Amino acid sequence: MLEATAFWVVEPGVGALRSEPLREPRDGEVLVRTLHTGVSRGTEATVFAGRVPPSQHNRMRAPFQEGDFPGPVKYGYLNVGVVEQGPPELAGRTVFTLFPHQSAFVVPPAAVFPVPEGVPAERAVLAGAVETAVNVLWDAAPLLGDRIAVIGAGMIGCCVARLARGIPGVEVTLVDVDPSRREVAERLGVGFAEPDSAPHDRDLVIHTSGSEAGLRLALETVVTEGEVIEASWFGDRPVTLTLGEDFHSRRLTLRSSQVGEVSPRRRDRRSRADRMALALDLLRDPAFDALLTGSSSWRELPEVLARLAADPGRELCHSIDWSDA
């Protein structure tokens, strides 16, 4: 019997590394040795803090989650590793898997996605964020020449902004309370504004900040009869909106986007596997390296998750190095 090391949220606010048995792969399965995992700052901070609403416990399960919210639970979904055992077409390949923070694991071959040539393994941990951004833009359906604001320059917002800028004639502005995000926006090739100077009359506003103030700003800055796409996850935090102002008088639409299902605009002809393959291919773009803002050894993971949950600071995607696990 093999052995692996995995990160568990033992209880809200407390994480630990645990050793657990790892069975040999059966015929047709793959054994993956992890190289890097990524911390999905917003979602994993909510899980770490025990703030997943009870009504969402089933909906928010990760594909290979063990345990239940609020804990003990093994959670995560940004994993890049190398196939050590498996079918010939996968053996030795670097792959992305929606698997938690764990040094090695066994899964069916359909669960792993080969990382394209030209995409470094550490950058590939962003595949989950880029996949979310693809779904957001399928939901939002921006048009040529649109003026777009993305409110919230976190990992998802930055991925949305970078992809949207590739549409001809589109003007993209990232809006964030942190002025240091201007440098990230410049590396992504998009505009930047702090909330007080956010541009108005945007044809489309995508909100990713996870803050009540950000959502209010989205409603203020979209055009009359325009649409705001809400791509944040607030967990169990309530939000108060002044619906008697812009929302009502200017006939606005507020619509959610969530990555659990393929956007209805593409669901009849794109599978989740298609969406993930597209996300990995889009990661050939080296501009996404601007989102890799920190790295730590797997040995430090309990402290890293606690710190990011308490105060993420300027972090976007913090990667965990498992190469010596």
Protein backbone atom coordinates (compact mmCIF):
# COMPACT_ATOMS: atom_id res chain seq x y z
CA MET A 1 0.00 0.00 0.00
CA LEU A 2 1.33 3.43 -0.99
CA GLU A 3 1.00 6.48 1.22
CA ALA A 4 0.12 10.11 0.44
CA THR A 5 0.07 13.38 2.36
CA ALA A 6 -3.12 15.45 2.18
CA PHE A 7 -4.34 18.75 3.59
CA TRP A 8 -7.57 18.71 5.60
CA VAL A 9 -9.65 21.46 7.16
CA VAL A 10 -10.08 19.79 10.54
CA GLU A 11 -12.58 22.36 11.77
CA PRO A 12 -13.31 25.97 10.82
CA GLY A 13 -10.06 27.92 11.01
CA VAL A 14 -7.84 24.88 11.63
CA GLY A 15 -5.97 22.93 8.94
CA ALA A 16 -3.63 19.94 9.18
CA LEU A 17 -1.52 17.63 7.02
CA ARG A 18 -2.47 13.97 7.28
CA SER A 19 -0.92 10.77 5.98
CA GLU A 20 -3.36 8.42 4.33
CA PRO A 21 -3.15 5.13 2.46
CA LEU A 22 -3.07 5.23 -1.33
CA ARG A 23 -4.06 2.07 -3.15
CA GLU A 24 -2.38 0.82 -6.29
CA PRO A 25 -4.20 1.87 -9.49
CA ARG A 26 -6.44 -0.72 -11.09
CA ASP A 27 -6.43 -1.42 -14.82
CA GLY A 28 -7.36 1.75 -16.69
CA GLU A 29 -6.76 4.08 -13.71
CA VAL A 30 -3.96 6.60 -13.34
CA LEU A 31 -1.59 7.34 -10.48
CA VAL A 32 -0.65 11.01 -10.41
CA ARG A 33 2.27 12.45 -8.45
CA THR A 34 1.51 16.09 -7.63
CA LEU A 35 3.88 18.89 -8.67
CA HIS A 36 1.85 21.97 -7.74
CA THR A 37 -1.52 22.84 -6.28
CA GLY A 38 -3.09 26.28 -6.28
CA VAL A 39 -5.09 27.96 -3.54
CA SER A 40 -8.38 29.29 -4.85
CA ARG A 41 -8.27 32.23 -2.47
CA GLY A 42 -11.93 33.22 -2.32
CA THR A 43 -13.59 29.79 -2.28
CA GLU A 44 -10.98 28.04 -0.14
CA ALA A 45 -10.94 30.87 2.37
CA THR A 46 -14.72 30.49 2.70
CA VAL A 47 -14.33 26.72 3.19
CA PHE A 48 -11.45 27.16 5.65
CA ALA A 49 -13.50 29.60 7.72
CA GLY A 50 -16.50 27.23 7.77
CA ARG A 51 -18.72 29.72 5.94
CA VAL A 52 -20.35 27.46 3.35
CA PRO A 53 -24.12 27.87 3.89
CA PRO A 54 -25.81 24.59 4.91
CA SER A 55 -28.14 24.88 1.92
CA GLN A 56 -25.09 24.77 -0.39
CA HIS A 57 -23.18 21.87 1.19
CA ASN A 58 -24.06 19.48 -1.63
CA ARG A 59 -23.78 22.01 -4.47
CA MET A 60 -20.34 23.20 -3.38
CA ARG A 61 -18.71 19.79 -3.13
CA ALA A 62 -15.46 19.58 -5.09
CA PRO A 63 -15.16 16.63 -7.53
CA PHE A 64 -12.85 14.57 -5.27
CA GLN A 65 -13.75 16.08 -1.92
CA GLU A 66 -13.68 13.86 1.15
CA GLY A 67 -15.54 14.66 4.33
CA ASP A 68 -18.24 17.27 4.68
CA PHE A 69 -18.56 20.97 5.44
CA PRO A 70 -17.73 22.54 7.79
CA GLY A 71 -15.17 19.81 8.61
CA PRO A 72 -13.24 17.64 8.69
CA VAL A 73 -13.09 18.11 4.93
CA LYS A 74 -10.45 17.63 2.24
CA TYR A 75 -11.14 20.34 -0.32
CA GLY A 76 -9.46 21.86 -3.37
CA TYR A 77 -9.48 21.64 -7.15
CA LEU A 78 -6.31 23.13 -8.64
CA ASN A 79 -3.83 20.27 -9.00
CA VAL A 80 -1.05 19.74 -11.56
CA GLY A 81 1.01 16.56 -11.52
CA VAL A 82 2.69 13.86 -13.56
CA VAL A 83 1.09 10.51 -14.43
CA GLU A 84 3.37 7.85 -12.93
CA GLN A 85 1.17 4.88 -13.86
CA GLY A 86 -1.60 4.70 -16.41
CA PRO A 87 -2.51 4.09 -20.05
CA PRO A 88 0.38 4.59 -22.50
CA GLU A 89 -1.15 7.77 -23.93
CA LEU A 90 -1.06 9.37 -20.45
CA ALA A 91 2.02 7.84 -18.81
CA GLY A 92 4.62 10.51 -18.14
CA ARG A 93 2.28 13.37 -19.13
CA THR A 94 1.82 16.50 -17.05
CA VAL A 95 -1.89 16.74 -16.25
CA PHE A 96 -4.37 19.02 -14.52
CA THR A 97 -6.93 17.45 -12.18
CA LEU A 98 -9.73 18.92 -10.08
CA PHE A 99 -8.21 17.25 -7.03
CA PRO A 100 -7.52 18.59 -3.50
CA HIS A 101 -4.11 19.38 -2.00
CA GLN A 102 -2.50 15.92 -1.88
CA SER A 103 0.93 14.55 -2.78
CA ALA A 104 -0.36 11.68 -4.95
CA PHE A 105 -3.71 10.18 -5.91
CA VAL A 106 -5.48 7.60 -8.06
CA VAL A 107 -8.34 8.62 -10.37
CA PRO A 108 -10.03 7.46 -13.59
CA PRO A 109 -8.26 8.67 -16.76
CA ALA A 110 -11.24 10.85 -17.70
CA ALA A 111 -10.52 12.97 -14.61
CA VAL A 112 -7.11 14.16 -15.82
CA PHE A 113 -6.51 16.75 -18.54
CA PRO A 114 -3.16 16.79 -20.35
CA VAL A 115 -1.37 20.13 -20.08
CA PRO A 116 -0.50 21.41 -23.58
CA GLU A 117 3.10 21.89 -24.69
CA GLY A 118 4.20 25.42 -23.89
CA VAL A 119 2.18 25.69 -20.66
CA PRO A 120 4.48 25.50 -17.61
CA ALA A 121 3.24 23.24 -14.81
CA GLU A 122 3.00 26.08 -12.28
CA ARG A 123 0.94 28.25 -14.66
CA ALA A 124 -1.37 25.30 -15.31
CA VAL A 125 -2.73 25.53 -11.74
CA LEU A 126 -4.70 28.52 -13.06
CA ALA A 127 -6.78 26.21 -15.29
CA GLY A 128 -9.69 26.20 -12.85
CA ALA A 129 -9.77 30.00 -12.73
CA VAL A 130 -9.52 30.33 -16.52
CA GLU A 131 -12.26 27.71 -16.92
CA THR A 132 -14.47 29.83 -14.64
CA ALA A 133 -13.63 32.93 -16.69
CA VAL A 134 -14.56 31.11 -19.91
CA ASN A 135 -17.95 30.24 -18.43
CA VAL A 136 -18.47 33.81 -17.20
CA LEU A 137 -17.83 35.16 -20.68
CA TRP A 138 -20.09 32.54 -22.26
CA ASP A 139 -22.80 33.77 -19.85
CA ALA A 140 -22.00 37.45 -20.43
CA ALA A 141 -21.74 37.18 -24.25
CA PRO A 142 -19.79 40.43 -24.84
CA LEU A 143 -19.96 41.98 -28.32
CA LEU A 144 -17.39 43.59 -30.59
CA GLY A 145 -16.49 47.05 -29.38
CA ASP A 146 -18.10 46.69 -25.95
CA ARG A 147 -16.93 48.81 -23.04
CA ILE A 148 -16.54 46.32 -20.19
CA ALA A 149 -15.78 46.84 -16.51
CA VAL A 150 -14.61 43.95 -14.34
CA ILE A 151 -15.05 44.93 -10.70
CA GLY A 152 -12.70 42.96 -8.48
CA ALA A 153 -9.11 42.27 -9.57
CA GLY A 154 -8.82 38.90 -7.89
CA MET A 155 -7.86 35.71 -9.68
CA ILE A 156 -11.21 35.29 -11.46
CA GLY A 157 -11.60 38.96 -12.33
CA CYS A 158 -8.10 39.12 -13.79
CA CYS A 159 -8.71 36.00 -15.89
CA VAL A 160 -12.00 37.43 -17.19
CA ALA A 161 -10.30 40.72 -18.06
CA ARG A 162 -7.43 39.07 -19.94
CA LEU A 163 -9.74 36.88 -22.01
CA ALA A 164 -12.21 39.70 -22.74
CA ARG A 165 -9.46 41.99 -24.05
CA GLY A 166 -8.90 39.55 -26.91
CA ILE A 167 -12.27 40.47 -28.47
CA PRO A 168 -11.68 43.05 -31.23
CA GLY A 169 -12.53 46.60 -30.29
CA VAL A 170 -13.33 45.79 -26.67
CA GLU A 171 -12.22 48.20 -23.94
CA VAL A 172 -11.68 46.47 -20.60
CA THR A 173 -11.18 48.22 -17.26
CA LEU A 174 -10.32 46.36 -14.07
CA VAL A 175 -11.67 48.10 -10.97
CA ASP A 176 -10.25 47.40 -7.52
CA VAL A 177 -9.77 49.10 -4.16
CA ASP A 178 -6.10 48.06 -4.10
CA PRO A 179 -4.02 50.52 -6.15
CA SER A 180 -1.23 47.94 -6.52
CA ARG A 181 -3.52 46.02 -8.87
CA ARG A 182 -2.74 48.68 -11.50
CA GLU A 183 0.57 46.93 -12.18
CA VAL A 184 -1.23 43.60 -12.65
CA ALA A 185 -3.73 45.24 -15.01
CA GLU A 186 -0.86 46.67 -17.06
CA ARG A 187 0.70 43.22 -17.37
CA LEU A 188 -2.67 41.87 -18.49
CA GLY A 189 -3.02 44.63 -21.09
CA VAL A 190 -6.19 46.20 -19.66
CA GLY A 191 -7.12 49.49 -18.04
CA PHE A 192 -7.36 50.06 -14.30
CA ALA A 193 -9.39 52.30 -12.02
CA GLU A 194 -10.02 52.61 -8.31
CA PRO A 195 -13.74 52.68 -7.37
CA ASP A 196 -13.98 56.47 -7.07
CA SER A 197 -12.80 56.88 -10.66
CA ALA A 198 -14.50 53.84 -12.19
CA PRO A 199 -15.86 54.57 -15.68
CA HIS A 200 -19.63 54.71 -16.11
CA ASP A 201 -21.94 53.77 -18.99
CA ARG A 202 -20.28 50.38 -19.41
CA ASP A 203 -22.05 48.13 -21.90
CA LEU A 204 -21.36 45.16 -19.62
CA VAL A 205 -20.18 44.93 -16.01
CA ILE A 206 -18.86 41.70 -14.52
CA HIS A 207 -18.63 41.66 -10.72
CA THR A 208 -16.06 39.40 -9.07
CA SER A 209 -15.04 41.25 -5.89
CA GLY A 210 -17.25 39.34 -3.47
CA SER A 211 -18.08 42.62 -1.73
CA GLU A 212 -21.37 44.43 -1.23
CA ALA A 213 -19.75 47.74 -2.23
CA GLY A 214 -18.45 46.19 -5.44
CA LEU A 215 -21.88 44.94 -6.45
CA ARG A 216 -23.42 48.34 -5.74
CA LEU A 217 -20.75 49.95 -7.92
CA ALA A 218 -21.54 47.48 -10.70
CA LEU A 219 -25.17 48.59 -10.72
CA GLU A 220 -24.12 52.24 -10.80
CA THR A 221 -21.68 51.91 -13.69
CA VAL A 222 -23.56 49.76 -16.22
CA VAL A 223 -25.56 51.44 -18.99
CA THR A 224 -29.30 51.99 -18.64
CA GLU A 225 -31.12 48.70 -19.34
CA GLY A 226 -27.73 46.99 -19.13
CA GLU A 227 -26.72 43.72 -17.50
CA VAL A 228 -24.48 42.98 -14.54
CA ILE A 229 -23.02 39.48 -14.32
CA GLU A 230 -22.45 38.43 -10.70
CA ALA A 231 -19.55 35.97 -10.64
CA SER A 232 -18.67 36.29 -6.92
CA TRP A 233 -19.52 33.78 -4.25
CA PHE A 234 -20.56 35.43 -0.99
CA GLY A 235 -20.83 32.24 1.04
CA ASP A 236 -23.05 32.90 4.05
CA ARG A 237 -22.54 36.68 4.01
CA PRO A 238 -25.74 38.68 3.43
CA VAL A 239 -25.79 41.52 0.89
CA THR A 240 -27.92 44.66 1.04
CA LEU A 241 -28.66 46.48 -2.22
CA THR A 242 -30.48 49.75 -2.78
CA LEU A 243 -32.85 48.36 -5.38
CA GLY A 244 -34.92 51.53 -5.32
CA GLU A 245 -32.15 53.45 -7.09
CA ASP A 246 -30.28 52.52 -10.31
CA PHE A 247 -31.54 48.94 -10.41
CA HIS A 248 -35.20 49.95 -10.59
CA SER A 249 -35.20 53.31 -12.36
CA ARG A 250 -32.76 52.26 -15.09
CA ARG A 251 -34.30 48.81 -15.69
CA LEU A 252 -31.10 46.87 -14.97
CA THR A 253 -30.60 43.11 -15.04
CA LEU A 254 -28.52 41.25 -12.43
CA ARG A 255 -27.64 37.68 -13.37
CA SER A 256 -25.40 35.11 -11.68
CA SER A 257 -22.69 33.04 -13.32
CA GLN A 258 -21.35 29.89 -11.70
CA VAL A 259 -18.92 27.29 -13.04
CA GLY A 260 -20.71 24.18 -11.72
CA GLU A 261 -22.54 23.78 -15.03
CA VAL A 262 -21.60 24.79 -18.57
CA SER A 263 -23.28 28.06 -19.55
CA PRO A 264 -26.74 27.50 -21.07
CA ARG A 265 -25.48 29.38 -24.14
CA ARG A 266 -23.08 26.48 -24.87
CA ARG A 267 -24.47 23.53 -22.93
CA ASP A 268 -25.97 21.80 -25.97
CA ARG A 269 -22.61 21.63 -27.76
CA ARG A 270 -19.81 21.93 -25.18
CA SER A 271 -19.05 19.53 -22.33
CA ARG A 272 -17.18 20.31 -19.14
CA ALA A 273 -14.21 18.46 -20.64
CA ASP A 274 -14.35 20.72 -23.72
CA ARG A 275 -14.42 23.78 -21.47
CA MET A 276 -11.42 22.60 -19.45
CA ALA A 277 -9.43 21.74 -22.59
CA LEU A 278 -10.10 25.25 -23.88
CA ALA A 279 -8.97 26.79 -20.58
CA LEU A 280 -5.69 24.86 -20.66
CA ASP A 281 -5.07 25.87 -24.26
CA LEU A 282 -5.67 29.53 -23.39
CA LEU A 283 -2.96 29.25 -20.72
CA ARG A 284 -0.32 29.27 -23.45
CA ASP A 285 -0.57 33.04 -22.93
CA PRO A 286 2.39 34.05 -20.67
CA ALA A 287 0.48 37.12 -19.43
CA PHE A 288 -1.27 34.82 -16.95
CA ASP A 289 2.01 34.55 -15.03
CA ALA A 290 1.07 37.93 -13.51
CA LEU A 291 -1.45 36.04 -11.37
CA LEU A 292 1.15 33.76 -9.76
CA THR A 293 2.00 35.91 -6.77
CA GLY A 294 3.49 33.51 -4.24
CA SER A 295 4.69 29.96 -3.62
CA SER A 296 5.25 27.82 -0.54
CA SER A 297 6.26 24.28 0.33
CA TRP A 298 3.50 21.80 1.05
CA ARG A 299 4.87 21.62 4.61
CA GLU A 300 3.64 25.18 5.20
CA LEU A 301 0.13 24.64 3.82
CA PRO A 302 -1.79 24.79 7.14
CA GLU A 303 -0.18 28.14 8.00
CA VAL A 304 -0.56 29.45 4.43
CA LEU A 305 -4.32 28.69 4.32
CA ALA A 306 -4.84 30.29 7.72
CA ARG A 307 -2.98 33.43 6.61
CA LEU A 308 -4.79 33.72 3.28
CA ALA A 309 -8.17 33.19 4.94
CA ALA A 310 -7.44 35.89 7.53
CA ASP A 311 -5.84 38.45 5.22
CA PRO A 312 -4.90 37.57 1.63
CA GLY A 313 -3.05 40.86 1.22
CA ARG A 314 -1.95 41.28 -2.40
CA GLU A 315 -1.99 37.57 -3.23
CA LEU A 316 -3.83 36.37 -6.34
CA CYS A 317 -2.91 32.71 -6.84
CA HIS A 318 -0.62 31.18 -4.23
CA SER A 319 0.87 27.91 -5.46
CA ILE A 320 2.03 25.01 -3.32
CA ASP A 321 5.16 23.08 -4.30
CA TRP A 322 4.83 19.31 -3.81
CA SER A 323 7.90 18.29 -5.82
CA ASP A 324 9.73 16.88 -2.79
CA ALA A 325 6.73 15.31 -1.06
